[in-house]
Amino acid sequence: MRRALFAATAFLSLATTGQTALAADDTPEAPYVDDRSSADAVVRSLYSAINRHEFARAWGYFGDTKPAKDFDSFVKGFDGTDKVETGAVSDEGAAGSIFYNVPVAIRATDKTGGEKVFAGCYTLRQVNAQIQAAPPFDPIHIEKGALKPSTADFEEALPPSCGDGPPPPKKDTALEQAKKAFLATYGDQCDKQFLADEPTVFSIKYKDKDAAPGDPDKETRLFHFSCSAAAYNESSIYYMTDEVSGVQQLQFAEPKMDIRYENNDSDGKLLGMSIVGFQTSGWAVNSDYDEEAHTITTFNKWRGIGDASDAGTYLFRNGNFSLVQFDVDASYDGEENPQTVVDYNTAP
């Protein structure tokens, strides 16, 4: 499960020593979240309810074992926090149920402005829906929670796992962001056969242009998603990690061409062509990434035999890909004879 970080204005401590919490009336209203689709989503929903002082909703996220002896005690047991973070979820099955363990870290701020960090785990249970034959339906719910004071900084307090087993594998956040962006933007445009495929991932290490001698290499990652396959062209989408924005889709610069034919007919003789501007595209046609040269190449056939086409070369330098060469073959003469219309190979 992905890690989730969100602001909180109330803190619920389910440690064995009891509850602690604090509600600040002058803070902005927290967003409404009510999601039982996963264990960590239930935990986020719990804190959404607490932050909004919707205590009846918060109480409802627990199963038969409640966090206080009665609802009034539950409501009275709150003080304040700044942030809550959930970690990688582990699970195990038992007798028609799945039990989930969710690592949690909380930074609490009391009424005097002092800060404390708590860390621990929630245990949640999901009863198999297929064996629930009559209402009321029992959704995924919290069974118990145990949070203890931590001496670590909040950013380091989150337990790597819950229980005695090995920590679950760390989620590749950048990869998940790229996959989410790809599906959100192109899920209804790409061939279904490619949507479930994992992207090809490349690591690019480089020296920043302003790096001093001895400075370590920087690293960016390139994600190549196949999108569609037609008779003679295959289209791809690329994303790249960015230190400021996280993950961004690559945009490929292309010249806009004014192409002139005899009798204004592409079957006629090619009279000439010139660049009238530039445009960008998120599509890369018949593309390939060369790990040694650090270049992405494209080759867009205008028809199947490939005697008319355009091709671009994009070089990774200074932390991004830039157009360095663009060739156009506009002749439709049965032969491949492209002309280079853009050549920035010697540019710094």
Protein backbone atom coordinates (compact mmCIF):
# COMPACT_ATOMS: atom_id res chain seq x y z
CA MET A 1 0.00 0.00 0.00
CA ARG A 2 1.19 3.47 -0.67
CA ARG A 3 2.16 5.77 2.17
CA ALA A 4 -0.22 8.62 2.88
CA LEU A 5 0.59 11.86 4.62
CA PHE A 6 -2.11 14.29 5.63
CA ALA A 7 -2.69 17.17 8.02
CA ALA A 8 -4.61 16.48 11.21
CA THR A 9 -6.19 18.69 13.84
CA ALA A 10 -7.01 15.94 16.31
CA PHE A 11 -5.14 12.96 17.66
CA LEU A 12 -6.45 9.59 18.73
CA SER A 13 -4.09 7.51 20.85
CA LEU A 14 -5.08 3.88 21.15
CA ALA A 15 -2.13 2.98 23.34
CA THR A 16 -2.76 0.74 26.29
CA THR A 17 -2.32 3.74 28.58
CA GLY A 18 -5.50 5.30 27.23
CA GLN A 19 -6.54 8.00 24.77
CA THR A 20 -5.12 11.45 24.30
CA ALA A 21 -6.39 14.10 21.96
CA LEU A 22 -6.89 17.78 21.34
CA ALA A 23 -9.20 19.70 19.02
CA ALA A 24 -8.32 23.17 17.72
CA ASP A 25 -11.37 25.25 16.82
CA ASP A 26 -9.43 27.84 14.84
CA THR A 27 -7.95 25.44 12.27
CA PRO A 28 -9.34 24.99 8.72
CA GLU A 29 -11.90 22.23 8.33
CA ALA A 30 -10.32 18.97 7.26
CA PRO A 31 -11.51 17.32 4.04
CA TYR A 32 -14.26 14.71 4.28
CA VAL A 33 -12.88 11.21 3.63
CA ASP A 34 -15.04 8.10 4.02
CA ASP A 35 -13.31 5.20 2.27
CA ARG A 36 -13.43 1.53 3.29
CA SER A 37 -11.77 0.18 0.15
CA SER A 38 -8.51 -0.65 1.94
CA ALA A 39 -7.08 -0.85 5.44
CA ASP A 40 -5.04 2.35 5.23
CA ALA A 41 -8.03 4.14 3.65
CA VAL A 42 -10.10 3.25 6.75
CA VAL A 43 -7.38 4.72 8.98
CA ARG A 44 -7.36 7.90 6.90
CA SER A 45 -11.15 8.02 7.11
CA LEU A 46 -10.98 7.65 10.89
CA TYR A 47 -8.72 10.68 11.17
CA SER A 48 -10.85 12.62 8.72
CA ALA A 49 -13.82 12.08 11.04
CA ILE A 50 -11.81 13.02 14.13
CA ASN A 51 -10.38 16.12 12.49
CA ARG A 52 -13.88 17.27 11.54
CA HIS A 53 -15.21 16.44 15.05
CA GLU A 54 -17.57 13.89 13.49
CA PHE A 55 -17.13 11.50 16.38
CA ALA A 56 -20.11 9.27 15.63
CA ARG A 57 -18.55 8.54 12.22
CA ALA A 58 -15.15 7.93 13.85
CA TRP A 59 -16.76 5.53 16.35
CA GLY A 60 -18.31 3.63 13.44
CA TYR A 61 -14.95 2.64 11.96
CA PHE A 62 -14.41 0.26 14.88
CA GLY A 63 -15.83 -3.23 15.10
CA ASP A 64 -17.31 -4.85 18.20
CA THR A 65 -14.24 -3.89 20.23
CA LYS A 66 -14.54 -0.15 20.76
CA PRO A 67 -11.67 2.21 21.70
CA ALA A 68 -13.40 3.43 24.91
CA LYS A 69 -15.88 2.11 27.44
CA ASP A 70 -18.65 4.25 25.95
CA PHE A 71 -19.19 6.92 23.29
CA ASP A 72 -19.12 9.86 25.74
CA SER A 73 -15.71 8.80 27.01
CA PHE A 74 -14.55 8.42 23.42
CA VAL A 75 -15.60 11.99 22.55
CA LYS A 76 -13.99 13.49 25.66
CA GLY A 77 -10.64 11.83 25.00
CA PHE A 78 -9.26 14.10 22.30
CA ASP A 79 -6.34 16.49 22.13
CA GLY A 80 -4.53 17.89 19.06
CA THR A 81 -2.04 16.82 16.39
CA ASP A 82 -0.30 18.14 13.30
CA LYS A 83 0.26 15.15 11.04
CA VAL A 84 -0.48 11.48 10.63
CA GLU A 85 1.34 9.05 8.34
CA THR A 86 0.48 5.47 7.40
CA GLY A 87 2.99 2.95 6.09
CA ALA A 88 3.11 -0.26 4.10
CA VAL A 89 0.24 -2.60 4.96
CA SER A 90 0.69 -6.31 5.65
CA ASP A 91 -2.09 -8.89 5.76
CA GLU A 92 -2.86 -12.49 6.65
CA GLY A 93 -5.96 -14.65 6.25
CA ALA A 94 -7.75 -16.55 9.00
CA ALA A 95 -11.13 -18.36 9.04
CA GLY A 96 -13.02 -16.33 6.45
CA SER A 97 -11.37 -13.03 7.33
CA ILE A 98 -8.34 -11.01 6.33
CA PHE A 99 -6.47 -9.16 9.06
CA TYR A 100 -4.44 -6.09 8.10
CA ASN A 101 -1.69 -4.38 10.06
CA VAL A 102 -1.12 -0.70 9.31
CA PRO A 103 1.96 1.14 10.65
CA VAL A 104 1.12 4.62 11.93
CA ALA A 105 3.10 7.65 13.10
CA ILE A 106 1.51 10.74 14.65
CA ARG A 107 2.89 14.12 15.62
CA ALA A 108 0.73 15.62 18.35
CA THR A 109 0.65 19.23 19.53
CA ASP A 110 -0.82 19.89 22.95
CA LYS A 111 -2.55 23.03 24.21
CA THR A 112 0.76 24.61 25.23
CA GLY A 113 2.30 24.14 21.79
CA GLY A 114 4.49 21.23 22.82
CA GLU A 115 4.98 18.43 20.33
CA LYS A 116 5.08 14.69 20.88
CA VAL A 117 5.50 11.83 18.45
CA PHE A 118 3.61 8.55 18.73
CA ALA A 119 4.08 5.42 16.64
CA GLY A 120 2.52 1.99 16.46
CA CYS A 121 0.05 -0.12 14.54
CA TYR A 122 -3.62 -0.52 13.80
CA THR A 123 -5.11 -3.95 13.20
CA LEU A 124 -8.13 -4.09 10.88
CA ARG A 125 -10.38 -6.96 9.85
CA GLN A 126 -12.26 -7.66 6.65
CA VAL A 127 -14.85 -10.44 6.82
CA ASN A 128 -15.33 -12.21 3.50
CA ALA A 129 -18.34 -10.53 1.89
CA GLN A 130 -19.47 -13.78 0.25
CA ILE A 131 -20.15 -15.45 3.60
CA GLN A 132 -22.21 -12.53 4.93
CA ALA A 133 -25.67 -13.80 3.99
CA ALA A 134 -27.84 -11.32 5.93
CA PRO A 135 -27.66 -7.67 6.98
CA PRO A 136 -26.22 -5.72 8.57
CA PHE A 137 -23.16 -5.94 6.34
CA ASP A 138 -19.85 -5.89 8.22
CA PRO A 139 -17.34 -3.76 6.25
CA ILE A 140 -13.62 -3.59 6.85
CA HIS A 141 -13.19 -2.17 10.34
CA ILE A 142 -10.61 -1.40 13.01
CA GLU A 143 -10.09 -4.15 15.57
CA LYS A 144 -7.50 -2.45 17.76
CA GLY A 145 -4.68 0.03 17.83
CA ALA A 146 -1.58 0.51 19.94
CA LEU A 147 0.46 3.70 19.72
CA LYS A 148 3.36 4.51 22.02
CA PRO A 149 5.50 7.63 22.53
CA SER A 150 8.50 7.73 20.21
CA THR A 151 11.79 9.56 20.68
CA ALA A 152 12.40 9.65 16.92
CA ASP A 153 11.66 12.65 14.74
CA PHE A 154 8.26 12.39 13.11
CA GLU A 155 9.79 11.79 9.67
CA GLU A 156 11.67 8.75 11.04
CA ALA A 157 9.10 7.40 13.50
CA LEU A 158 6.91 5.37 11.15
CA PRO A 159 7.45 1.65 11.85
CA PRO A 160 8.71 -0.21 8.76
CA SER A 161 6.22 -3.01 9.48
CA CYS A 162 3.89 -4.46 12.07
CA GLY A 163 4.24 -7.87 13.68
CA ASP A 164 7.19 -10.23 13.75
CA GLY A 165 7.52 -10.81 10.01
CA PRO A 166 9.97 -9.08 7.67
CA PRO A 167 9.11 -5.56 6.53
CA PRO A 168 6.99 -5.51 3.38
CA PRO A 169 8.78 -4.33 0.25
CA LYS A 170 9.03 -0.58 -0.02
CA LYS A 171 6.71 0.94 -2.56
CA ASP A 172 8.25 2.62 -5.56
CA THR A 173 6.54 5.98 -5.15
CA ALA A 174 7.75 7.48 -8.43
CA LEU A 175 6.67 4.40 -10.37
CA GLU A 176 3.22 4.48 -8.77
CA GLN A 177 2.87 8.18 -9.58
CA ALA A 178 3.83 7.57 -13.21
CA LYS A 179 1.38 4.66 -13.55
CA LYS A 180 -1.41 6.68 -11.97
CA ALA A 181 -0.76 9.66 -14.26
CA PHE A 182 -0.61 7.42 -17.33
CA LEU A 183 -3.92 5.70 -16.57
CA ALA A 184 -5.64 8.96 -15.64
CA THR A 185 -4.57 10.72 -18.84
CA TYR A 186 -4.49 7.92 -21.41
CA GLY A 187 -6.66 5.18 -19.94
CA ASP A 188 -9.38 5.84 -22.53
CA GLN A 189 -6.98 6.47 -25.42
CA CYS A 190 -4.54 3.56 -25.31
CA ASP A 191 -5.13 -0.04 -26.34
CA LYS A 192 -6.51 -2.08 -23.44
CA GLN A 193 -3.85 -4.73 -23.97
CA PHE A 194 -1.17 -2.25 -22.86
CA LEU A 195 -2.92 -0.63 -19.89
CA ALA A 196 -2.07 -3.45 -17.48
CA ASP A 197 1.56 -3.70 -18.61
CA GLU A 198 4.35 -2.45 -16.40
CA PRO A 199 6.40 0.34 -17.96
CA THR A 200 10.04 -0.11 -18.88
CA VAL A 201 12.08 1.81 -16.31
CA PHE A 202 15.51 3.37 -16.90
CA SER A 203 17.84 5.04 -14.40
CA ILE A 204 19.85 8.00 -15.68
CA LYS A 205 22.76 9.30 -13.61
CA TYR A 206 24.33 12.60 -14.56
CA LYS A 207 26.30 15.58 -13.35
CA ASP A 208 24.41 18.80 -12.83
CA LYS A 209 25.68 21.59 -15.04
CA ASP A 210 26.47 23.68 -11.96
CA ALA A 211 28.04 20.80 -10.01
CA ALA A 212 31.32 21.43 -8.27
CA PRO A 213 34.18 18.93 -8.49
CA GLY A 214 33.47 16.05 -6.16
CA ASP A 215 29.71 16.58 -6.06
CA PRO A 216 27.77 13.30 -6.31
CA ASP A 217 25.86 12.33 -9.42
CA LYS A 218 22.21 13.15 -9.68
CA GLU A 219 19.70 10.55 -10.77
CA THR A 220 16.47 10.72 -12.70
CA ARG A 221 14.29 7.87 -13.83
CA LEU A 222 12.55 7.40 -17.16
CA PHE A 223 9.29 5.43 -17.51
CA HIS A 224 8.32 4.16 -20.97
CA PHE A 225 4.66 3.15 -21.43
CA SER A 226 3.46 1.41 -24.59
CA CYS A 227 0.11 2.88 -25.60
CA SER A 228 -1.11 1.73 -29.02
CA ALA A 229 -0.09 -0.37 -32.00
CA ALA A 230 -1.46 0.28 -35.48
CA ALA A 231 -0.51 -1.22 -38.85
CA TYR A 232 2.92 0.41 -39.03
CA ASN A 233 3.22 2.83 -36.11
CA GLU A 234 3.42 2.16 -32.39
CA SER A 235 2.84 5.01 -29.94
CA SER A 236 4.40 5.42 -26.52
CA ILE A 237 4.20 7.80 -23.58
CA TYR A 238 7.17 8.73 -21.41
CA TYR A 239 7.34 10.08 -17.86
CA MET A 240 10.40 11.25 -15.99
CA THR A 241 11.11 12.03 -12.35
CA ASP A 242 11.57 15.67 -11.50
CA GLU A 243 13.12 16.98 -8.28
CA VAL A 244 10.54 19.76 -7.98
CA SER A 245 7.35 18.31 -9.47
CA GLY A 246 7.77 14.61 -8.72
CA VAL A 247 6.85 12.90 -12.00
CA GLN A 248 6.18 14.75 -15.24
CA GLN A 249 5.23 13.58 -18.72
CA LEU A 250 7.85 14.22 -21.39
CA GLN A 251 6.87 16.56 -24.18
CA PHE A 252 8.66 16.23 -27.51
CA ALA A 253 9.39 19.35 -29.54
CA GLU A 254 8.72 19.06 -33.27
CA PRO A 255 9.04 21.56 -36.11
CA LYS A 256 5.90 22.58 -37.98
CA MET A 257 6.64 22.16 -41.65
CA ASP A 258 5.43 24.00 -44.75
CA ILE A 259 5.77 21.36 -47.48
CA ARG A 260 5.21 22.26 -51.14
CA TYR A 261 4.43 19.78 -53.92
CA GLU A 262 3.98 20.19 -57.63
CA ASN A 263 0.28 20.76 -58.32
CA ASN A 264 -0.28 20.82 -54.55
CA ASP A 265 -0.44 17.04 -54.64
CA SER A 266 1.72 14.86 -52.38
CA ASP A 267 2.00 12.39 -55.25
CA GLY A 268 3.67 15.11 -57.25
CA LYS A 269 7.27 16.23 -57.17
CA LEU A 270 8.54 17.66 -53.86
CA LEU A 271 9.34 21.31 -54.52
CA GLY A 272 10.63 22.25 -51.07
CA MET A 273 9.89 22.51 -47.39
CA SER A 274 10.62 24.94 -44.58
CA ILE A 275 10.07 25.29 -40.85
CA VAL A 276 7.29 27.72 -39.91
CA GLY A 277 7.31 27.12 -36.16
CA PHE A 278 7.54 24.52 -33.43
CA GLN A 279 5.03 22.50 -31.46
CA THR A 280 5.15 19.86 -28.73
CA SER A 281 3.59 16.44 -28.48
CA GLY A 282 3.27 13.92 -25.66
CA TRP A 283 3.29 11.05 -28.15
CA ALA A 284 6.46 9.25 -29.23
CA VAL A 285 5.98 7.12 -32.35
CA ASN A 286 8.09 4.01 -32.97
CA SER A 287 10.38 5.23 -30.22
CA ASP A 288 13.43 3.79 -28.53
CA TYR A 289 15.65 4.86 -25.64
CA ASP A 290 19.39 4.27 -26.03
CA GLU A 291 20.88 3.88 -22.54
CA GLU A 292 24.45 4.47 -23.70
CA ALA A 293 23.76 7.53 -25.84
CA HIS A 294 21.06 8.86 -23.48
CA THR A 295 18.79 9.56 -26.44
CA ILE A 296 15.16 8.92 -27.27
CA THR A 297 14.53 8.47 -30.98
CA THR A 298 11.20 8.58 -32.81
CA PHE A 299 10.31 7.46 -36.33
CA ASN A 300 6.84 8.32 -37.60
CA LYS A 301 5.90 6.62 -40.86
CA TRP A 302 3.46 8.65 -42.93
CA ARG A 303 2.53 5.48 -44.78
CA GLY A 304 3.36 1.80 -44.46
CA ILE A 305 6.33 1.50 -46.81
CA GLY A 306 8.14 4.24 -44.89
CA ASP A 307 9.15 6.34 -47.89
CA ALA A 308 7.60 9.41 -46.21
CA SER A 309 8.27 10.02 -42.54
CA ASP A 310 9.66 12.21 -39.83
CA ALA A 311 12.21 11.25 -37.18
CA GLY A 312 13.43 13.00 -34.05
CA THR A 313 16.41 12.55 -31.75
CA TYR A 314 16.13 13.86 -28.17
CA LEU A 315 19.25 14.00 -26.01
CA PHE A 316 19.28 13.94 -22.21
CA ARG A 317 21.40 16.78 -20.91
CA ASN A 318 21.12 19.26 -18.04
CA GLY A 319 18.42 17.11 -16.45
CA ASN A 320 15.98 16.94 -19.36
CA PHE A 321 15.52 15.70 -22.91
CA SER A 322 15.99 18.25 -25.70
CA LEU A 323 15.50 18.04 -29.45
CA VAL A 324 18.89 17.80 -31.17
CA GLN A 325 17.94 16.53 -34.62
CA PHE A 326 14.83 16.25 -36.75
CA ASP A 327 14.66 14.65 -40.17
CA VAL A 328 11.80 14.77 -42.65
CA ASP A 329 11.24 12.65 -45.74
CA ALA A 330 8.27 14.16 -47.55
CA SER A 331 8.89 12.79 -51.04
CA TYR A 332 6.54 9.76 -51.28
CA ASP A 333 8.91 8.48 -53.98
CA GLY A 334 9.25 4.86 -52.85
CA GLU A 335 12.67 5.47 -51.30
CA GLU A 336 13.90 6.54 -47.88
CA ASN A 337 15.74 9.83 -48.39
CA PRO A 338 15.19 12.05 -45.35
CA GLN A 339 16.50 15.59 -45.05
CA THR A 340 17.76 17.02 -41.78
CA VAL A 341 15.73 20.13 -41.00
CA VAL A 342 16.87 20.66 -37.39
CA ASP A 343 20.43 20.06 -36.17
CA TYR A 344 21.27 21.18 -32.63
CA ASN A 345 23.86 18.46 -32.01
CA THR A 346 26.56 20.98 -31.23
CA ALA A 347 24.42 23.11 -28.90
CA PRO A 348 25.66 23.27 -25.26
